Amino acid sequence: MTKRQTYTKEFKIEAVRLLEESEKSGMEISRELGIRRNQLYKWQKELQSKG
């Protein structure tokens, strides 16, 4: 069984910043970062709700 990967708050913020400011798709960014696309969108939603 694999151990769950944990990501720092800074990593999440940077990933969401790339998603919002880049012309790349969420799929491209998630592949580059080695994360699942739905996780990237989940972080975006969480950060937007927290302000």
N, C-alpha and C. Protein backbone atom coordinates (compact mmCIF):
# COMPACT_ATOMS: atom_id res chain seq x y z
N MET A 1 0.84 -1.17 0.00
CA MET A 1 0.00 0.00 0.00
C MET A 1 0.89 1.24 0.00
N THR A 2 0.56 2.20 -0.82
CA THR A 2 1.39 3.40 -0.93
C THR A 2 1.02 4.42 0.13
N LYS A 3 2.01 5.19 0.51
CA LYS A 3 1.79 6.25 1.49
C LYS A 3 1.22 7.48 0.78
N ARG A 4 0.27 8.15 1.42
CA ARG A 4 -0.33 9.34 0.82
C ARG A 4 0.69 10.46 0.78
N GLN A 5 0.74 11.14 -0.34
CA GLN A 5 1.64 12.27 -0.51
C GLN A 5 1.01 13.50 0.13
N THR A 6 1.81 14.23 0.90
CA THR A 6 1.33 15.49 1.46
C THR A 6 2.07 16.63 0.78
N TYR A 7 1.38 17.72 0.57
CA TYR A 7 1.94 18.87 -0.12
C TYR A 7 1.89 20.08 0.79
N THR A 8 2.89 20.92 0.68
CA THR A 8 2.93 22.13 1.50
C THR A 8 1.91 23.14 1.01
N LYS A 9 1.59 24.06 1.89
CA LYS A 9 0.65 25.12 1.52
C LYS A 9 1.23 25.94 0.36
N GLU A 10 2.53 26.17 0.39
CA GLU A 10 3.19 26.95 -0.66
C GLU A 10 3.09 26.25 -2.01
N PHE A 11 3.25 24.92 -2.01
CA PHE A 11 3.14 24.15 -3.25
C PHE A 11 1.73 24.28 -3.83
N LYS A 12 0.73 24.17 -2.96
CA LYS A 12 -0.66 24.27 -3.40
C LYS A 12 -0.96 25.65 -3.98
N ILE A 13 -0.49 26.68 -3.30
CA ILE A 13 -0.71 28.05 -3.76
C ILE A 13 -0.05 28.26 -5.12
N GLU A 14 1.17 27.79 -5.27
CA GLU A 14 1.89 27.95 -6.53
C GLU A 14 1.20 27.17 -7.66
N ALA A 15 0.71 25.97 -7.36
CA ALA A 15 0.01 25.18 -8.36
C ALA A 15 -1.25 25.90 -8.83
N VAL A 16 -1.99 26.46 -7.90
CA VAL A 16 -3.22 27.19 -8.25
C VAL A 16 -2.88 28.46 -9.02
N ARG A 17 -1.80 29.13 -8.63
CA ARG A 17 -1.38 30.34 -9.35
C ARG A 17 -1.06 29.99 -10.80
N LEU A 18 -0.36 28.88 -11.01
CA LEU A 18 -0.06 28.43 -12.38
C LEU A 18 -1.34 28.17 -13.16
N LEU A 19 -2.29 27.55 -12.52
CA LEU A 19 -3.56 27.24 -13.18
C LEU A 19 -4.28 28.51 -13.60
N GLU A 20 -4.27 29.50 -12.74
CA GLU A 20 -5.03 30.72 -13.01
C GLU A 20 -4.31 31.69 -13.94
N GLU A 21 -2.97 31.70 -13.91
CA GLU A 21 -2.23 32.69 -14.68
C GLU A 21 -1.63 32.15 -15.98
N SER A 22 -1.52 30.85 -16.08
CA SER A 22 -0.91 30.23 -17.24
C SER A 22 -1.95 30.00 -18.33
N GLU A 23 -1.48 29.91 -19.55
CA GLU A 23 -2.37 29.57 -20.66
C GLU A 23 -2.47 28.06 -20.83
N LYS A 24 -1.77 27.32 -19.98
CA LYS A 24 -1.81 25.87 -20.05
C LYS A 24 -3.10 25.36 -19.41
N SER A 25 -3.50 24.18 -19.83
CA SER A 25 -4.71 23.57 -19.26
C SER A 25 -4.39 22.96 -17.90
N GLY A 26 -5.45 22.69 -17.16
CA GLY A 26 -5.28 22.03 -15.87
C GLY A 26 -4.60 20.68 -16.01
N MET A 27 -4.91 19.99 -17.09
CA MET A 27 -4.30 18.68 -17.34
C MET A 27 -2.79 18.81 -17.53
N GLU A 28 -2.36 19.80 -18.31
CA GLU A 28 -0.93 20.00 -18.55
C GLU A 28 -0.20 20.35 -17.25
N ILE A 29 -0.78 21.24 -16.49
CA ILE A 29 -0.14 21.66 -15.24
C ILE A 29 -0.07 20.49 -14.26
N SER A 30 -1.14 19.75 -14.14
CA SER A 30 -1.14 18.62 -13.22
C SER A 30 -0.12 17.56 -13.63
N ARG A 31 0.04 17.33 -14.90
CA ARG A 31 1.06 16.38 -15.37
C ARG A 31 2.46 16.86 -15.03
N GLU A 32 2.71 18.15 -15.25
CA GLU A 32 4.03 18.72 -14.95
C GLU A 32 4.36 18.63 -13.46
N LEU A 33 3.35 18.79 -12.63
CA LEU A 33 3.56 18.79 -11.18
C LEU A 33 3.46 17.39 -10.57
N GLY A 34 2.98 16.44 -11.36
CA GLY A 34 2.87 15.08 -10.86
C GLY A 34 1.71 14.87 -9.89
N ILE A 35 0.62 15.60 -10.13
CA ILE A 35 -0.57 15.47 -9.28
C ILE A 35 -1.77 15.17 -10.17
N ARG A 36 -2.85 14.78 -9.55
CA ARG A 36 -4.08 14.52 -10.30
C ARG A 36 -4.78 15.84 -10.60
N ARG A 37 -5.42 15.90 -11.75
CA ARG A 37 -6.09 17.13 -12.18
C ARG A 37 -7.18 17.54 -11.19
N ASN A 38 -7.96 16.57 -10.72
CA ASN A 38 -9.04 16.91 -9.79
C ASN A 38 -8.50 17.47 -8.48
N GLN A 39 -7.30 17.05 -8.08
CA GLN A 39 -6.69 17.60 -6.87
C GLN A 39 -6.35 19.06 -7.06
N LEU A 40 -5.87 19.42 -8.22
CA LEU A 40 -5.54 20.81 -8.54
C LEU A 40 -6.78 21.69 -8.45
N TYR A 41 -7.89 21.23 -9.00
CA TYR A 41 -9.12 22.00 -8.95
C TYR A 41 -9.70 22.07 -7.54
N LYS A 42 -9.49 21.01 -6.76
CA LYS A 42 -9.94 21.01 -5.37
C LYS A 42 -9.17 22.08 -4.58
N TRP A 43 -7.86 22.16 -4.79
CA TRP A 43 -7.06 23.19 -4.12
C TRP A 43 -7.52 24.58 -4.52
N GLN A 44 -7.82 24.75 -5.80
CA GLN A 44 -8.28 26.05 -6.29
C GLN A 44 -9.57 26.45 -5.57
N LYS A 45 -10.49 25.53 -5.47
CA LYS A 45 -11.76 25.80 -4.81
C LYS A 45 -11.55 26.14 -3.34
N GLU A 46 -10.67 25.38 -2.67
CA GLU A 46 -10.39 25.62 -1.25
C GLU A 46 -9.77 27.01 -1.04
N LEU A 47 -8.82 27.36 -1.88
CA LEU A 47 -8.16 28.66 -1.73
C LEU A 47 -9.11 29.81 -2.02
N GLN A 48 -10.00 29.63 -2.98
CA GLN A 48 -10.96 30.69 -3.30
C GLN A 48 -11.95 30.88 -2.16
N SER A 49 -12.33 29.81 -1.50
CA SER A 49 -13.30 29.93 -0.40
C SER A 49 -12.67 30.54 0.84
N LYS A 50 -11.35 30.36 1.01
CA LYS A 50 -10.65 30.92 2.16
C LYS A 50 -10.22 32.37 1.92
N GLY A 51 -10.17 32.75 0.65
CA GLY A 51 -9.82 34.12 0.30
C GLY A 51 -8.40 34.29 0.18
